[in-house]
């Protein structure tokens, strides 16, 4: 949807992932969307180099999250949320389902 503006589909998917799940690491994002790992790593490095994302180490894993001090974060968030409403149903469902792990057995709904 925003490829013309952002440059690549993977860049848009990575931003959407960070917005919906608040944080993520490259392998997790690549696996979630079934895209190549180097592409996602490049996007995350690009975002960090330009101040859009920050990272922290969690053990040996570099976890990325959107920079809360980024000047255009509010506008970018509004744009991404609006773009999500135009996605195909199967992609839209990926962003609405926010559970990363299965529910504990026997846990009430």
PDB file of N, CA and C in Angstrom:
ATOM      1  N   UNK A   1       0.827  -1.191   0.000  1.00  0.00           N
ATOM      2  CA  UNK A   1       0.000   0.000   0.000  1.00  0.00           C
ATOM      3  C   UNK A   1       0.877   1.264   0.000  1.00  0.00           C
ATOM      4  N   UNK A   2       1.891   1.307   0.836  1.00  0.00           N
ATOM      5  CA  UNK A   2       2.736   2.504   0.949  1.00  0.00           C
ATOM      6  C   UNK A   2       4.096   2.336   0.270  1.00  0.00           C
ATOM      7  N   UNK A   3       4.206   1.361  -0.632  1.00  0.00           N
ATOM      8  CA  UNK A   3       5.484   1.097  -1.292  1.00  0.00           C
ATOM      9  C   UNK A   3       6.029   2.322  -2.019  1.00  0.00           C
ATOM     10  N   UNK A   4       5.151   3.054  -2.673  1.00  0.00           N
ATOM     11  CA  UNK A   4       5.592   4.235  -3.423  1.00  0.00           C
ATOM     12  C   UNK A   4       6.206   5.281  -2.497  1.00  0.00           C
ATOM     13  N   UNK A   5       5.707   5.361  -1.290  1.00  0.00           N
ATOM     14  CA  UNK A   5       6.180   6.346  -0.328  1.00  0.00           C
ATOM     15  C   UNK A   5       7.405   5.852   0.439  1.00  0.00           C
ATOM     16  N   UNK A   6       7.377   4.602   0.872  1.00  0.00           N
ATOM     17  CA  UNK A   6       8.442   4.060   1.720  1.00  0.00           C
ATOM     18  C   UNK A   6       9.556   3.366   0.944  1.00  0.00           C
ATOM     19  N   UNK A   7       9.301   2.981  -0.276  1.00  0.00           N
ATOM     20  CA  UNK A   7      10.347   2.358  -1.082  1.00  0.00           C
ATOM     21  C   UNK A   7      10.151   0.868  -1.307  1.00  0.00           C
ATOM     22  N   UNK A   8       9.899   0.098  -0.237  1.00  0.00           N
ATOM     23  CA  UNK A   8       9.737  -1.346  -0.390  1.00  0.00           C
ATOM     24  C   UNK A   8       8.588  -1.851   0.476  1.00  0.00           C
ATOM     25  N   UNK A   9       8.058  -2.983   0.073  1.00  0.00           N
ATOM     26  CA  UNK A   9       6.979  -3.620   0.836  1.00  0.00           C
ATOM     27  C   UNK A   9       7.506  -4.088   2.192  1.00  0.00           C
ATOM     28  N   UNK A  10       8.736  -4.610   2.224  1.00  0.00           N
ATOM     29  CA  UNK A  10       9.307  -5.099   3.486  1.00  0.00           C
ATOM     30  C   UNK A  10       9.509  -3.963   4.486  1.00  0.00           C
ATOM     31  N   UNK A  11       9.798  -2.791   4.007  1.00  0.00           N
ATOM     32  CA  UNK A  11       9.949  -1.635   4.895  1.00  0.00           C
ATOM     33  C   UNK A  11       8.611  -1.321   5.565  1.00  0.00           C
ATOM     34  N   UNK A  12       7.556  -1.376   4.772  1.00  0.00           N
ATOM     35  CA  UNK A  12       6.217  -1.121   5.311  1.00  0.00           C
ATOM     36  C   UNK A  12       5.812  -2.208   6.305  1.00  0.00           C
ATOM     37  N   UNK A  13       6.056  -3.469   5.956  1.00  0.00           N
ATOM     38  CA  UNK A  13       5.694  -4.574   6.857  1.00  0.00           C
ATOM     39  C   UNK A  13       6.470  -4.498   8.169  1.00  0.00           C
ATOM     40  N   UNK A  14       7.734  -4.129   8.083  1.00  0.00           N
ATOM     41  CA  UNK A  14       8.551  -4.012   9.295  1.00  0.00           C
ATOM     42  C   UNK A  14       8.019  -2.910  10.202  1.00  0.00           C
ATOM     43  N   UNK A  15       7.678  -1.782   9.634  1.00  0.00           N
ATOM     44  CA  UNK A  15       7.110  -0.684  10.427  1.00  0.00           C
ATOM     45  C   UNK A  15       5.774  -1.099  11.049  1.00  0.00           C
ATOM     46  N   UNK A  16       4.942  -1.763  10.275  1.00  0.00           N
ATOM     47  CA  UNK A  16       3.656  -2.215  10.796  1.00  0.00           C
ATOM     48  C   UNK A  16       3.863  -3.183  11.955  1.00  0.00           C
ATOM     49  N   UNK A  17       4.817  -4.079  11.822  1.00  0.00           N
ATOM     50  CA  UNK A  17       5.095  -5.057  12.885  1.00  0.00           C
ATOM     51  C   UNK A  17       5.524  -4.342  14.166  1.00  0.00           C
ATOM     52  N   UNK A  18       6.459  -3.414  14.039  1.00  0.00           N
ATOM     53  CA  UNK A  18       6.940  -2.684  15.219  1.00  0.00           C
ATOM     54  C   UNK A  18       5.828  -1.859  15.855  1.00  0.00           C
ATOM     55  N   UNK A  19       4.937  -1.328  15.035  1.00  0.00           N
ATOM     56  CA  UNK A  19       3.826  -0.545  15.562  1.00  0.00           C
ATOM     57  C   UNK A  19       2.831  -1.427  16.317  1.00  0.00           C
ATOM     58  N   UNK A  20       2.489  -2.568  15.752  1.00  0.00           N
ATOM     59  CA  UNK A  20       1.481  -3.444  16.356  1.00  0.00           C
ATOM     60  C   UNK A  20       2.024  -4.179  17.578  1.00  0.00           C
ATOM     61  N   UNK A  21       3.229  -4.733  17.472  1.00  0.00           N
ATOM     62  CA  UNK A  21       3.773  -5.559  18.548  1.00  0.00           C
ATOM     63  C   UNK A  21       4.715  -4.804  19.482  1.00  0.00           C
ATOM     64  N   UNK A  22       4.951  -3.528  19.216  1.00  0.00           N
ATOM     65  CA  UNK A  22       5.802  -2.637  20.030  1.00  0.00           C
ATOM     66  C   UNK A  22       7.296  -2.918  19.913  1.00  0.00           C
ATOM     67  N   UNK A  23       7.693  -4.133  19.640  1.00  0.00           N
ATOM     68  CA  UNK A  23       9.108  -4.456  19.466  1.00  0.00           C
ATOM     69  C   UNK A  23       9.229  -5.767  18.715  1.00  0.00           C
ATOM     70  N   UNK A  24      10.425  -6.018  18.216  1.00  0.00           N
ATOM     71  CA  UNK A  24      10.661  -7.276  17.518  1.00  0.00           C
ATOM     72  C   UNK A  24      12.105  -7.371  17.077  1.00  0.00           C
ATOM     73  N   UNK A  25      12.518  -8.575  16.739  1.00  0.00           N
ATOM     74  CA  UNK A  25      13.871  -8.767  16.229  1.00  0.00           C
ATOM     75  C   UNK A  25      13.771  -9.298  14.803  1.00  0.00           C
ATOM     76  N   UNK A  26      14.858  -9.193  14.065  1.00  0.00           N
ATOM     77  CA  UNK A  26      14.846  -9.431  12.626  1.00  0.00           C
ATOM     78  C   UNK A  26      14.311 -10.815  12.257  1.00  0.00           C
ATOM     79  N   UNK A  27      14.814 -11.874  12.880  1.00  0.00           N
ATOM     80  CA  UNK A  27      14.389 -13.226  12.521  1.00  0.00           C
ATOM     81  C   UNK A  27      12.896 -13.424  12.792  1.00  0.00           C
ATOM     82  N   UNK A  28      12.412 -12.872  13.895  1.00  0.00           N
ATOM     83  CA  UNK A  28      11.001 -12.974  14.258  1.00  0.00           C
ATOM     84  C   UNK A  28      10.118 -12.307  13.195  1.00  0.00           C
ATOM     85  N   UNK A  29      10.496 -11.118  12.762  1.00  0.00           N
ATOM     86  CA  UNK A  29       9.722 -10.374  11.774  1.00  0.00           C
ATOM     87  C   UNK A  29       9.756 -11.090  10.427  1.00  0.00           C
ATOM     88  N   UNK A  30      10.942 -11.548  10.019  1.00  0.00           N
ATOM     89  CA  UNK A  30      11.077 -12.257   8.741  1.00  0.00           C
ATOM     90  C   UNK A  30      10.235 -13.528   8.728  1.00  0.00           C
ATOM     91  N   UNK A  31      10.242 -14.255   9.821  1.00  0.00           N
ATOM     92  CA  UNK A  31       9.464 -15.491   9.909  1.00  0.00           C
ATOM     93  C   UNK A  31       7.966 -15.190   9.919  1.00  0.00           C
ATOM     94  N   UNK A  32       7.564 -14.137  10.589  1.00  0.00           N
ATOM     95  CA  UNK A  32       6.153 -13.774  10.699  1.00  0.00           C
ATOM     96  C   UNK A  32       5.547 -13.479   9.334  1.00  0.00           C
ATOM     97  N   UNK A  33       6.305 -12.806   8.466  1.00  0.00           N
ATOM     98  CA  UNK A  33       5.809 -12.447   7.139  1.00  0.00           C
ATOM     99  C   UNK A  33       6.326 -13.363   6.036  1.00  0.00           C
ATOM    100  N   UNK A  34       7.160 -14.341   6.383  1.00  0.00           N
ATOM    101  CA  UNK A  34       7.736 -15.283   5.423  1.00  0.00           C
ATOM    102  C   UNK A  34       8.497 -14.537   4.320  1.00  0.00           C
ATOM    103  N   UNK A  35       9.407 -13.665   4.749  1.00  0.00           N
ATOM    104  CA  UNK A  35      10.263 -12.922   3.828  1.00  0.00           C
ATOM    105  C   UNK A  35      11.718 -13.183   4.208  1.00  0.00           C
ATOM    106  N   UNK A  36      12.644 -12.732   3.372  1.00  0.00           N
ATOM    107  CA  UNK A  36      14.055 -13.020   3.618  1.00  0.00           C
ATOM    108  C   UNK A  36      14.596 -12.243   4.821  1.00  0.00           C
ATOM    109  N   UNK A  37      15.427 -12.893   5.600  1.00  0.00           N
ATOM    110  CA  UNK A  37      16.020 -12.295   6.795  1.00  0.00           C
ATOM    111  C   UNK A  37      16.910 -11.087   6.467  1.00  0.00           C
ATOM    112  N   UNK A  38      17.819 -11.191   5.457  1.00  0.00           N
ATOM    113  CA  UNK A  38      18.680 -10.023   5.170  1.00  0.00           C
ATOM    114  C   UNK A  38      17.891  -8.762   4.821  1.00  0.00           C
ATOM    115  N   UNK A  39      16.771  -8.924   4.153  1.00  0.00           N
ATOM    116  CA  UNK A  39      15.951  -7.762   3.795  1.00  0.00           C
ATOM    117  C   UNK A  39      15.427  -7.067   5.050  1.00  0.00           C
ATOM    118  N   UNK A  40      14.921  -7.834   5.995  1.00  0.00           N
ATOM    119  CA  UNK A  40      14.403  -7.257   7.241  1.00  0.00           C
ATOM    120  C   UNK A  40      15.537  -6.647   8.051  1.00  0.00           C
ATOM    121  N   UNK A  41      16.687  -7.312   8.107  1.00  0.00           N
ATOM    122  CA  UNK A  41      17.838  -6.766   8.828  1.00  0.00           C
ATOM    123  C   UNK A  41      18.251  -5.416   8.248  1.00  0.00           C
ATOM    124  N   UNK A  42      18.244  -5.320   6.924  1.00  0.00           N
ATOM    125  CA  UNK A  42      18.598  -4.049   6.268  1.00  0.00           C
ATOM    126  C   UNK A  42      17.609  -2.957   6.621  1.00  0.00           C
ATOM    127  N   UNK A  43      16.330  -3.287   6.641  1.00  0.00           N
ATOM    128  CA  UNK A  43      15.312  -2.291   6.977  1.00  0.00           C
ATOM    129  C   UNK A  43      15.498  -1.801   8.409  1.00  0.00           C
ATOM    130  N   UNK A  44      15.709  -2.724   9.332  1.00  0.00           N
ATOM    131  CA  UNK A  44      15.878  -2.354  10.741  1.00  0.00           C
ATOM    132  C   UNK A  44      17.124  -1.493  10.944  1.00  0.00           C
ATOM    133  N   UNK A  45      18.208  -1.841  10.272  1.00  0.00           N
ATOM    134  CA  UNK A  45      19.435  -1.042  10.370  1.00  0.00           C
ATOM    135  C   UNK A  45      19.211   0.351   9.788  1.00  0.00           C
ATOM    136  N   UNK A  46      18.474   0.420   8.698  1.00  0.00           N
ATOM    137  CA  UNK A  46      18.141   1.707   8.072  1.00  0.00           C
ATOM    138  C   UNK A  46      17.317   2.576   9.034  1.00  0.00           C
ATOM    139  N   UNK A  47      16.310   1.981   9.663  1.00  0.00           N
ATOM    140  CA  UNK A  47      15.472   2.729  10.606  1.00  0.00           C
ATOM    141  C   UNK A  47      16.287   3.224  11.791  1.00  0.00           C
ATOM    142  N   UNK A  48      17.183   2.382  12.294  1.00  0.00           N
ATOM    143  CA  UNK A  48      17.992   2.779  13.446  1.00  0.00           C
ATOM    144  C   UNK A  48      18.982   3.878  13.067  1.00  0.00           C
ATOM    145  N   UNK A  49      19.598   3.764  11.911  1.00  0.00           N
ATOM    146  CA  UNK A  49      20.570   4.765  11.461  1.00  0.00           C
ATOM    147  C   UNK A  49      19.931   6.135  11.262  1.00  0.00           C
ATOM    148  N   UNK A  50      18.652   6.146  10.919  1.00  0.00           N
ATOM    149  CA  UNK A  50      17.953   7.406  10.656  1.00  0.00           C
ATOM    150  C   UNK A  50      17.090   7.884  11.814  1.00  0.00           C
ATOM    151  N   UNK A  51      17.176   7.215  12.963  1.00  0.00           N
ATOM    152  CA  UNK A  51      16.499   7.696  14.156  1.00  0.00           C
ATOM    153  C   UNK A  51      15.051   7.275  14.317  1.00  0.00           C
ATOM    154  N   UNK A  52      14.533   6.497  13.387  1.00  0.00           N
ATOM    155  CA  UNK A  52      13.140   6.070  13.462  1.00  0.00           C
ATOM    156  C   UNK A  52      12.958   4.936  14.470  1.00  0.00           C
ATOM    157  N   UNK A  53      13.981   4.106  14.622  1.00  0.00           N
ATOM    158  CA  UNK A  53      13.907   2.979  15.560  1.00  0.00           C
ATOM    159  C   UNK A  53      15.116   3.000  16.483  1.00  0.00           C
ATOM    160  N   UNK A  54      14.944   2.386  17.621  1.00  0.00           N
ATOM    161  CA  UNK A  54      16.026   2.186  18.580  1.00  0.00           C
ATOM    162  C   UNK A  54      16.154   0.693  18.806  1.00  0.00           C
ATOM    163  N   UNK A  55      17.265   0.280  19.411  1.00  0.00           N
ATOM    164  CA  UNK A  55      17.435  -1.141  19.694  1.00  0.00           C
ATOM    165  C   UNK A  55      18.015  -1.319  21.090  1.00  0.00           C
ATOM    166  N   UNK A  56      17.807  -2.521  21.602  1.00  0.00           N
ATOM    167  CA  UNK A  56      18.388  -2.909  22.890  1.00  0.00           C
ATOM    168  C   UNK A  56      18.777  -4.370  22.766  1.00  0.00           C
ATOM    169  N   UNK A  57      19.719  -4.769  23.563  1.00  0.00           N
ATOM    170  CA  UNK A  57      20.142  -6.160  23.554  1.00  0.00           C
ATOM    171  C   UNK A  57      19.342  -6.921  24.604  1.00  0.00           C
ATOM    172  N   UNK A  58      18.803  -8.044  24.193  1.00  0.00           N
ATOM    173  CA  UNK A  58      18.108  -8.955  25.098  1.00  0.00           C
ATOM    174  C   UNK A  58      18.845 -10.280  24.990  1.00  0.00           C
ATOM    175  N   UNK A  59      19.824 -10.477  25.876  1.00  0.00           N
ATOM    176  CA  UNK A  59      20.721 -11.624  25.728  1.00  0.00           C
ATOM    177  C   UNK A  59      21.620 -11.360  24.542  1.00  0.00           C
ATOM    178  N   UNK A  60      21.574 -12.260  23.557  1.00  0.00           N
ATOM    179  CA  UNK A  60      22.376 -12.082  22.344  1.00  0.00           C
ATOM    180  C   UNK A  60      21.532 -11.581  21.180  1.00  0.00           C
ATOM    181  N   UNK A  61      20.298 -11.224  21.456  1.00  0.00           N
ATOM    182  CA  UNK A  61      19.376 -10.799  20.410  1.00  0.00           C
ATOM    183  C   UNK A  61      19.180  -9.286  20.447  1.00  0.00           C
ATOM    184  N   UNK A  62      19.269  -8.668  19.300  1.00  0.00           N
ATOM    185  CA  UNK A  62      19.051  -7.231  19.190  1.00  0.00           C
ATOM    186  C   UNK A  62      17.570  -7.000  18.902  1.00  0.00           C
ATOM    187  N   UNK A  63      16.881  -6.365  19.843  1.00  0.00           N
ATOM    188  CA  UNK A  63      15.444  -6.117  19.736  1.00  0.00           C
ATOM    189  C   UNK A  63      15.234  -4.654  19.350  1.00  0.00           C
ATOM    190  N   UNK A  64      14.408  -4.434  18.339  1.00  0.00           N
ATOM    191  CA  UNK A  64      14.137  -3.089  17.830  1.00  0.00           C
ATOM    192  C   UNK A  64      12.757  -2.629  18.264  1.00  0.00           C
ATOM    193  N   UNK A  65      12.606  -1.317  18.420  1.00  0.00           N
ATOM    194  CA  UNK A  65      11.322  -0.711  18.732  1.00  0.00           C
ATOM    195  C   UNK A  65      11.326   0.703  18.165  1.00  0.00           C
ATOM    196  N   UNK A  66      10.136   1.246  17.921  1.00  0.00           N
ATOM    197  CA  UNK A  66      10.040   2.589  17.366  1.00  0.00           C
ATOM    198  C   UNK A  66      10.519   3.618  18.383  1.00  0.00           C
ATOM    199  N   UNK A  67      11.227   4.611  17.909  1.00  0.00           N
ATOM    200  CA  UNK A  67      11.769   5.666  18.758  1.00  0.00           C
ATOM    201  C   UNK A  67      10.634   6.604  19.196  1.00  0.00           C
ATOM    202  N   UNK A  68      10.317   6.651  20.490  1.00  0.00           N
ATOM    203  CA  UNK A  68       9.214   7.523  20.936  1.00  0.00           C
ATOM    204  C   UNK A  68       9.513   9.010  20.753  1.00  0.00           C
ATOM    205  N   UNK A  69      10.765   9.371  20.535  1.00  0.00           N
ATOM    206  CA  UNK A  69      11.137  10.774  20.337  1.00  0.00           C
ATOM    207  C   UNK A  69      11.268  11.157  18.866  1.00  0.00           C
ATOM    208  N   UNK A  70      10.951  10.228  17.978  1.00  0.00           N
ATOM    209  CA  UNK A  70      11.028  10.519  16.549  1.00  0.00           C
ATOM    210  C   UNK A  70      10.039  11.645  16.221  1.00  0.00           C
ATOM    211  N   UNK A  71      10.492  12.652  15.502  1.00  0.00           N
ATOM    212  CA  UNK A  71       9.700  13.870  15.266  1.00  0.00           C
ATOM    213  C   UNK A  71       8.362  13.612  14.583  1.00  0.00           C
ATOM    214  N   UNK A  72       8.302  12.634  13.693  1.00  0.00           N
ATOM    215  CA  UNK A  72       7.083  12.398  12.927  1.00  0.00           C
ATOM    216  C   UNK A  72       6.398  11.088  13.312  1.00  0.00           C
ATOM    217  N   UNK A  73       6.633  10.610  14.517  1.00  0.00           N
ATOM    218  CA  UNK A  73       6.070   9.328  14.929  1.00  0.00           C
ATOM    219  C   UNK A  73       4.545   9.345  14.928  1.00  0.00           C
ATOM    220  N   UNK A  74       3.947  10.397  15.413  1.00  0.00           N
ATOM    221  CA  UNK A  74       2.486  10.489  15.454  1.00  0.00           C
ATOM    222  C   UNK A  74       1.890  10.453  14.047  1.00  0.00           C
ATOM    223  N   UNK A  75       2.485  11.187  13.133  1.00  0.00           N
ATOM    224  CA  UNK A  75       1.996  11.219  11.758  1.00  0.00           C
ATOM    225  C   UNK A  75       2.224   9.876  11.063  1.00  0.00           C
ATOM    226  N   UNK A  76       3.388   9.273  11.299  1.00  0.00           N
ATOM    227  CA  UNK A  76       3.691   7.970  10.714  1.00  0.00           C
ATOM    228  C   UNK A  76       2.739   6.905  11.238  1.00  0.00           C
ATOM    229  N   UNK A  77       2.452   6.948  12.521  1.00  0.00           N
ATOM    230  CA  UNK A  77       1.518   5.999  13.123  1.00  0.00           C
ATOM    231  C   UNK A  77       0.137   6.136  12.490  1.00  0.00           C
ATOM    232  N   UNK A  78      -0.334   7.354  12.328  1.00  0.00           N
ATOM    233  CA  UNK A  78      -1.646   7.579  11.712  1.00  0.00           C
ATOM    234  C   UNK A  78      -1.671   7.061  10.277  1.00  0.00           C
ATOM    235  N   UNK A  79      -0.590   7.276   9.541  1.00  0.00           N
ATOM    236  CA  UNK A  79      -0.499   6.806   8.161  1.00  0.00           C
ATOM    237  C   UNK A  79      -0.516   5.278   8.093  1.00  0.00           C
ATOM    238  N   UNK A  80       0.241   4.636   8.957  1.00  0.00           N
ATOM    239  CA  UNK A  80       0.298   3.168   8.967  1.00  0.00           C
ATOM    240  C   UNK A  80      -1.039   2.558   9.370  1.00  0.00           C
ATOM    241  N   UNK A  81      -1.693   3.151  10.342  1.00  0.00           N
ATOM    242  CA  UNK A  81      -3.001   2.646  10.781  1.00  0.00           C
ATOM    243  C   UNK A  81      -4.015   2.784   9.647  1.00  0.00           C
ATOM    244  N   UNK A  82      -3.990   3.904   8.961  1.00  0.00           N
ATOM    245  CA  UNK A  82      -4.927   4.100   7.847  1.00  0.00           C
ATOM    246  C   UNK A  82      -4.621   3.130   6.705  1.00  0.00           C
ATOM    247  N   UNK A  83      -3.354   2.928   6.408  1.00  0.00           N
ATOM    248  CA  UNK A  83      -2.968   1.994   5.338  1.00  0.00           C
ATOM    249  C   UNK A  83      -3.416   0.581   5.662  1.00  0.00           C
ATOM    250  N   UNK A  84      -3.374   0.210   6.929  1.00  0.00           N
ATOM    251  CA  UNK A  84      -3.777  -1.136   7.349  1.00  0.00           C
ATOM    252  C   UNK A  84      -5.235  -1.419   7.004  1.00  0.00           C
ATOM    253  N   UNK A  85      -6.073  -0.402   7.000  1.00  0.00           N
ATOM    254  CA  UNK A  85      -7.489  -0.600   6.689  1.00  0.00           C
ATOM    255  C   UNK A  85      -7.706  -0.958   5.217  1.00  0.00           C
ATOM    256  N   UNK A  86      -6.717  -0.729   4.353  1.00  0.00           N
ATOM    257  CA  UNK A  86      -6.830  -1.049   2.933  1.00  0.00           C
ATOM    258  C   UNK A  86      -6.134  -2.363   2.557  1.00  0.00           C
ATOM    259  N   UNK A  87      -5.548  -3.048   3.517  1.00  0.00           N
ATOM    260  CA  UNK A  87      -4.858  -4.312   3.236  1.00  0.00           C
ATOM    261  C   UNK A  87      -5.847  -5.411   2.882  1.00  0.00           C
ATOM    262  N   UNK A  88      -5.332  -6.444   2.240  1.00  0.00           N
ATOM    263  CA  UNK A  88      -6.132  -7.637   1.967  1.00  0.00           C
ATOM    264  C   UNK A  88      -6.501  -8.280   3.300  1.00  0.00           C
ATOM    265  N   UNK A  89      -7.637  -8.964   3.360  1.00  0.00           N
ATOM    266  CA  UNK A  89      -8.094  -9.550   4.638  1.00  0.00           C
ATOM    267  C   UNK A  89      -7.073 -10.448   5.327  1.00  0.00           C
ATOM    268  N   UNK A  90      -6.335 -11.272   4.559  1.00  0.00           N
ATOM    269  CA  UNK A  90      -5.368 -12.176   5.196  1.00  0.00           C
ATOM    270  C   UNK A  90      -4.202 -11.426   5.836  1.00  0.00           C
ATOM    271  N   UNK A  91      -3.781 -10.323   5.237  1.00  0.00           N
ATOM    272  CA  UNK A  91      -2.710  -9.518   5.830  1.00  0.00           C
ATOM    273  C   UNK A  91      -3.241  -8.702   6.999  1.00  0.00           C
ATOM    274  N   UNK A  92      -4.441  -8.192   6.864  1.00  0.00           N
ATOM    275  CA  UNK A  92      -5.067  -7.430   7.942  1.00  0.00           C
ATOM    276  C   UNK A  92      -5.218  -8.296   9.192  1.00  0.00           C
ATOM    277  N   UNK A  93      -5.545  -9.563   8.980  1.00  0.00           N
ATOM    278  CA  UNK A  93      -5.722 -10.501  10.095  1.00  0.00           C
ATOM    279  C   UNK A  93      -4.423 -10.709  10.871  1.00  0.00           C
ATOM    280  N   UNK A  94      -3.291 -10.694  10.163  1.00  0.00           N
ATOM    281  CA  UNK A  94      -1.995 -10.862  10.834  1.00  0.00           C
ATOM    282  C   UNK A  94      -1.739  -9.750  11.855  1.00  0.00           C
ATOM    283  N   UNK A  95      -2.225  -8.551  11.552  1.00  0.00           N
ATOM    284  CA  UNK A  95      -1.996  -7.431  12.455  1.00  0.00           C
ATOM    285  C   UNK A  95      -3.029  -7.354  13.566  1.00  0.00           C
ATOM    286  N   UNK A  96      -4.187  -7.937  13.341  1.00  0.00           N
ATOM    287  CA  UNK A  96      -5.215  -7.929  14.377  1.00  0.00           C
ATOM    288  C   UNK A  96      -4.991  -9.025  15.399  1.00  0.00           C
ATOM    289  N   UNK A  97      -4.353 -10.121  14.991  1.00  0.00           N
ATOM    290  CA  UNK A  97      -4.044 -11.210  15.897  1.00  0.00           C
ATOM    291  C   UNK A  97      -2.714 -10.871  16.583  1.00  0.00           C
ATOM    292  N   UNK A  98      -2.778 -10.418  17.818  1.00  0.00           N
ATOM    293  CA  UNK A  98      -1.569  -9.929  18.468  1.00  0.00           C
ATOM    294  C   UNK A  98      -0.928 -10.937  19.413  1.00  0.00           C
ATOM    295  N   UNK A  99      -1.451 -12.147  19.473  1.00  0.00           N
ATOM    296  CA  UNK A  99      -0.850 -13.161  20.339  1.00  0.00           C
ATOM    297  C   UNK A  99       0.325 -13.808  19.629  1.00  0.00           C
ATOM    298  N   UNK A 100       1.458 -13.882  20.288  1.00  0.00           N
ATOM    299  CA  UNK A 100       2.625 -14.531  19.713  1.00  0.00           C
ATOM    300  C   UNK A 100       2.731 -15.984  20.169  1.00  0.00           C
ATOM    301  N   UNK A 101       2.139 -16.303  21.304  1.00  0.00           N
ATOM    302  CA  UNK A 101       2.207 -17.662  21.841  1.00  0.00           C
ATOM    303  C   UNK A 101       0.793 -18.211  22.005  1.00  0.00           C
ATOM    304  N   UNK A 102       0.656 -19.529  22.000  1.00  0.00           N
ATOM    305  CA  UNK A 102      -0.683 -20.105  22.208  1.00  0.00           C
ATOM    306  C   UNK A 102      -1.167 -19.856  23.637  1.00  0.00           C
ATOM    307  N   UNK A 103      -2.461 -19.872  23.784  1.00  0.00           N
ATOM    308  CA  UNK A 103      -3.086 -19.692  25.094  1.00  0.00           C
ATOM    309  C   UNK A 103      -2.789 -20.912  25.962  1.00  0.00           C
ATOM    310  N   UNK A 104      -2.586 -20.697  27.254  1.00  0.00           N
ATOM    311  CA  UNK A 104      -2.319 -21.772  28.189  1.00  0.00           C
ATOM    312  C   UNK A 104      -3.511 -22.741  28.204  1.00  0.00           C
ATOM    313  N   UNK A 105      -3.235 -24.026  28.250  1.00  0.00           N
ATOM    314  CA  UNK A 105      -4.275 -25.051  28.274  1.00  0.00           C
ATOM    315  C   UNK A 105      -5.149 -24.849  29.513  1.00  0.00           C
ATOM    316  N   UNK A 106      -6.462 -24.845  29.295  1.00  0.00           N
ATOM    317  CA  UNK A 106      -7.405 -24.708  30.390  1.00  0.00           C
ATOM    318  C   UNK A 106      -7.677 -23.284  30.826  1.00  0.00           C
ATOM    319  N   UNK A 107      -7.006 -22.300  30.240  1.00  0.00           N
ATOM    320  CA  UNK A 107      -7.216 -20.913  30.624  1.00  0.00           C
ATOM    321  C   UNK A 107      -8.567 -20.448  30.079  1.00  0.00           C
ATOM    322  N   UNK A 108      -9.428 -19.871  30.926  1.00  0.00           N
ATOM    323  CA  UNK A 108     -10.737 -19.416  30.437  1.00  0.00           C
ATOM    324  C   UNK A 108     -10.601 -18.243  29.475  1.00  0.00           C
ATOM    325  N   UNK A 109     -11.539 -18.160  28.552  1.00  0.00           N
ATOM    326  CA  UNK A 109     -11.544 -17.034  27.604  1.00  0.00           C
ATOM    327  C   UNK A 109     -12.046 -15.853  28.277  1.00  0.00           C
TER     328      UNK A 109
END
